[in-house]
Amino acid sequence: MKKIIYMLILSLVVVSGLVFANREAKNVVSKKPIPKPLSVAERKAALKKWEATPDGIMFKQWEASPSGKKVYAGEAKIRKHLRAFSDMEAVVTSLSLPPGSRLGFGIMVKINGEDYILSFGTEKSDNTIFNSNNEFEQLHNLKVNDKITIRSHNVSHAPKYSYPIIAGDYVEQNHNVIYKRAPRQGGC
């Protein structure tokens, strides 16, 4: 009987010690300093400094070139739809991205006579024996000249590409959703 009581008291002491130690670990404050955001003047100075670098000079030259102007004009055509997150009717023109692209999975589309890259990011497939889940599975079933409806919040550009790059947030075909970007986890 004494042995059982001693064992119970010992286990209670061990468990309470673990709980107390765990509580202390959660209360530890991070020692990393949080960088304060740059002021407007500091951002402008950093931009001017970058524009003087070879990469900055090359980017400025691209912006002034006919290719850069064409990309910016394409972005301007869809900006209203991006802000409102409204539907854009598109036609699939190619099932692959331009050679040498590093955007992950994407397709080429035409919206109102203008070509765009519709990028979805890197493909993460969980191909195990029991689960063959691929978030882009229905997008792989698209064919050239298929009509789709796109919604996006973001368009970007890069001197490497001759087309504006639309981030694929939502795609539907024949009123059926075939892709919807999952919301970010653990962010603001």
Protein backbone atom coordinates (compact mmCIF):
# COMPACT_ATOMS: atom_id res chain seq x y z
CA MET A 1 0.00 0.00 0.00
CA LYS A 2 2.85 2.37 0.87
CA LYS A 3 4.53 1.59 -2.45
CA ILE A 4 1.37 2.55 -4.37
CA ILE A 5 1.04 5.84 -2.49
CA TYR A 6 4.73 6.66 -3.10
CA MET A 7 4.34 5.84 -6.81
CA LEU A 8 1.26 8.08 -7.09
CA ILE A 9 3.00 10.96 -5.31
CA LEU A 10 6.13 10.52 -7.45
CA SER A 11 4.11 10.49 -10.70
CA LEU A 12 2.19 13.58 -9.52
CA VAL A 13 5.48 15.42 -8.86
CA VAL A 14 6.89 14.44 -12.27
CA VAL A 15 3.74 15.46 -14.17
CA SER A 16 3.44 18.78 -12.31
CA GLY A 17 7.12 19.47 -13.02
CA LEU A 18 6.59 18.85 -16.73
CA VAL A 19 3.53 21.09 -16.81
CA PHE A 20 5.37 23.86 -14.96
CA ALA A 21 8.41 23.57 -17.28
CA ASN A 22 6.17 23.71 -20.36
CA ARG A 23 4.42 26.83 -19.04
CA GLU A 24 7.77 28.54 -18.47
CA ALA A 25 8.92 27.72 -22.02
CA LYS A 26 5.82 29.41 -23.50
CA ASN A 27 6.48 32.61 -21.56
CA VAL A 28 9.99 33.10 -23.00
CA VAL A 29 10.08 36.24 -25.15
CA SER A 30 11.93 36.16 -28.46
CA LYS A 31 15.26 37.95 -28.33
CA LYS A 32 15.20 38.87 -32.05
CA PRO A 33 14.66 42.57 -32.59
CA ILE A 34 11.73 43.38 -34.84
CA PRO A 35 12.93 45.60 -37.68
CA LYS A 36 10.94 48.79 -37.96
CA PRO A 37 9.51 49.60 -41.39
CA LEU A 38 11.42 52.02 -43.56
CA SER A 39 10.18 55.57 -43.89
CA VAL A 40 9.12 56.94 -47.27
CA ALA A 41 12.38 58.87 -47.60
CA GLU A 42 14.43 55.76 -46.76
CA ARG A 43 12.50 53.69 -49.33
CA LYS A 44 13.06 56.33 -52.03
CA ALA A 45 16.77 56.45 -51.20
CA ALA A 46 17.03 52.65 -51.36
CA LEU A 47 15.22 52.66 -54.73
CA LYS A 48 17.56 55.31 -56.13
CA LYS A 49 20.55 53.30 -54.91
CA TRP A 50 19.20 50.13 -56.58
CA GLU A 51 18.46 51.98 -59.85
CA ALA A 52 22.17 52.88 -60.05
CA THR A 53 23.18 49.19 -59.96
CA PRO A 54 23.57 47.20 -63.21
CA ASP A 55 20.33 45.32 -62.50
CA GLY A 56 18.46 48.57 -61.90
CA ILE A 57 19.81 50.13 -65.10
CA MET A 58 18.83 47.03 -67.08
CA PHE A 59 15.32 47.10 -65.56
CA LYS A 60 14.87 50.79 -66.43
CA GLN A 61 15.95 50.06 -70.02
CA TRP A 62 13.43 47.19 -70.20
CA GLU A 63 10.63 49.47 -68.92
CA ALA A 64 11.39 51.99 -71.68
CA SER A 65 11.59 49.30 -74.39
CA PRO A 66 8.59 48.36 -76.58
CA SER A 67 8.40 44.97 -74.80
CA GLY A 68 8.20 46.63 -71.36
CA LYS A 69 5.60 49.13 -72.54
CA LYS A 70 3.51 46.27 -73.99
CA VAL A 71 3.62 44.41 -70.64
CA TYR A 72 2.58 47.52 -68.69
CA ALA A 73 -0.26 48.19 -71.17
CA GLY A 74 -1.50 44.61 -70.67
CA GLU A 75 -1.46 45.10 -66.89
CA ALA A 76 -3.43 48.33 -67.21
CA LYS A 77 -6.17 46.57 -69.23
CA ILE A 78 -7.05 44.19 -66.38
CA ARG A 79 -6.27 46.36 -63.34
CA LYS A 80 -9.97 47.19 -62.77
CA HIS A 81 -10.87 43.49 -62.64
CA LEU A 82 -8.01 42.77 -60.23
CA ARG A 83 -9.04 45.47 -57.78
CA ALA A 84 -12.65 44.26 -57.78
CA PHE A 85 -11.69 40.54 -57.87
CA SER A 86 -14.22 40.22 -60.69
CA ASP A 87 -14.55 37.67 -63.48
CA MET A 88 -12.29 37.83 -66.53
CA GLU A 89 -13.18 35.69 -69.52
CA ALA A 90 -10.10 33.97 -70.97
CA VAL A 91 -9.20 31.46 -73.67
CA VAL A 92 -6.39 28.95 -73.11
CA THR A 93 -3.73 29.49 -75.80
CA SER A 94 -0.98 27.17 -74.53
CA LEU A 95 -0.73 24.50 -71.85
CA SER A 96 2.91 25.30 -71.12
CA LEU A 97 4.81 28.40 -70.13
CA PRO A 98 7.50 30.05 -72.28
CA PRO A 99 10.80 28.11 -72.44
CA GLY A 100 13.09 28.71 -69.45
CA SER A 101 10.37 30.02 -67.16
CA ARG A 102 10.65 29.41 -63.44
CA LEU A 103 7.12 30.20 -62.35
CA GLY A 104 6.06 26.66 -61.50
CA PHE A 105 2.85 25.36 -63.03
CA GLY A 106 1.03 27.72 -65.37
CA ILE A 107 -0.69 28.17 -68.70
CA MET A 108 -0.92 30.89 -71.33
CA VAL A 109 -4.28 32.64 -71.76
CA LYS A 110 -5.73 35.39 -73.92
CA ILE A 111 -7.98 38.02 -72.31
CA ASN A 112 -9.55 40.66 -74.58
CA GLY A 113 -6.98 39.99 -77.31
CA GLU A 114 -3.98 40.29 -74.97
CA ASP A 115 -1.72 37.36 -73.98
CA TYR A 116 -1.00 36.65 -70.30
CA ILE A 117 0.82 34.05 -68.23
CA LEU A 118 -1.56 32.48 -65.70
CA SER A 119 0.72 31.19 -62.95
CA PHE A 120 -0.35 28.91 -60.08
CA GLY A 121 2.99 28.33 -58.32
CA THR A 122 4.88 25.15 -57.65
CA GLU A 123 3.13 21.83 -57.96
CA LYS A 124 2.94 19.92 -54.69
CA SER A 125 1.53 16.47 -55.14
CA ASP A 126 1.00 13.89 -52.43
CA ASN A 127 1.41 10.75 -54.51
CA THR A 128 1.24 7.89 -52.09
CA ILE A 129 -0.44 4.55 -52.52
CA PHE A 130 -3.51 5.70 -50.60
CA ASN A 131 -3.70 9.34 -51.69
CA SER A 132 -3.11 10.84 -55.13
CA ASN A 133 -4.15 14.40 -54.24
CA ASN A 134 -2.99 17.11 -56.64
CA GLU A 135 -4.53 20.57 -56.38
CA PHE A 136 -3.89 21.20 -60.10
CA GLU A 137 -5.47 17.95 -61.30
CA GLN A 138 -8.47 19.60 -62.98
CA LEU A 139 -6.24 22.29 -64.54
CA HIS A 140 -4.23 19.54 -66.25
CA ASN A 141 -7.45 18.50 -68.03
CA LEU A 142 -7.72 21.86 -69.84
CA LYS A 143 -7.18 21.96 -73.59
CA VAL A 144 -6.11 24.71 -75.98
CA ASN A 145 -9.07 26.98 -76.92
CA ASP A 146 -11.01 26.11 -73.73
CA LYS A 147 -12.91 29.08 -72.33
CA ILE A 148 -12.34 29.72 -68.63
CA THR A 149 -13.23 32.40 -66.11
CA ILE A 150 -10.42 33.80 -63.97
CA ARG A 151 -10.36 35.89 -60.80
CA SER A 152 -7.16 37.23 -59.35
CA HIS A 153 -5.85 39.84 -56.95
CA ASN A 154 -2.37 40.22 -58.41
CA VAL A 155 -0.53 40.80 -61.66
CA SER A 156 3.24 41.13 -61.91
CA HIS A 157 5.94 41.47 -64.51
CA ALA A 158 9.56 40.61 -65.06
CA PRO A 159 12.01 41.59 -67.81
CA LYS A 160 12.54 37.89 -68.51
CA TYR A 161 8.93 37.49 -69.73
CA SER A 162 7.18 39.28 -72.59
CA TYR A 163 3.79 38.90 -70.92
CA PRO A 164 2.16 40.11 -67.70
CA ILE A 165 1.97 37.35 -65.06
CA ILE A 166 -1.44 36.84 -63.44
CA ALA A 167 -1.52 34.97 -60.13
CA GLY A 168 -4.18 32.27 -60.50
CA ASP A 169 -6.46 32.62 -57.46
CA TYR A 170 -9.72 31.24 -58.89
CA VAL A 171 -10.54 29.44 -62.15
CA GLU A 172 -13.85 28.06 -63.34
CA GLN A 173 -14.96 26.37 -66.54
CA ASN A 174 -18.62 26.03 -67.57
CA HIS A 175 -19.68 27.42 -64.16
CA ASN A 176 -17.73 24.66 -62.34
CA VAL A 177 -14.86 25.68 -60.08
CA ILE A 178 -11.74 23.83 -61.21
CA TYR A 179 -9.22 25.68 -59.03
CA LYS A 180 -9.40 27.87 -55.94
CA ARG A 181 -6.25 28.94 -54.13
CA ALA A 182 -6.25 27.87 -50.49
CA PRO A 183 -5.99 30.78 -48.05
CA ARG A 184 -2.66 31.31 -46.35
CA GLN A 185 -2.15 29.60 -43.03
CA GLY A 186 -0.76 31.33 -39.95
CA GLY A 187 -0.51 34.79 -41.47
CA CYS A 188 -2.09 38.13 -40.82
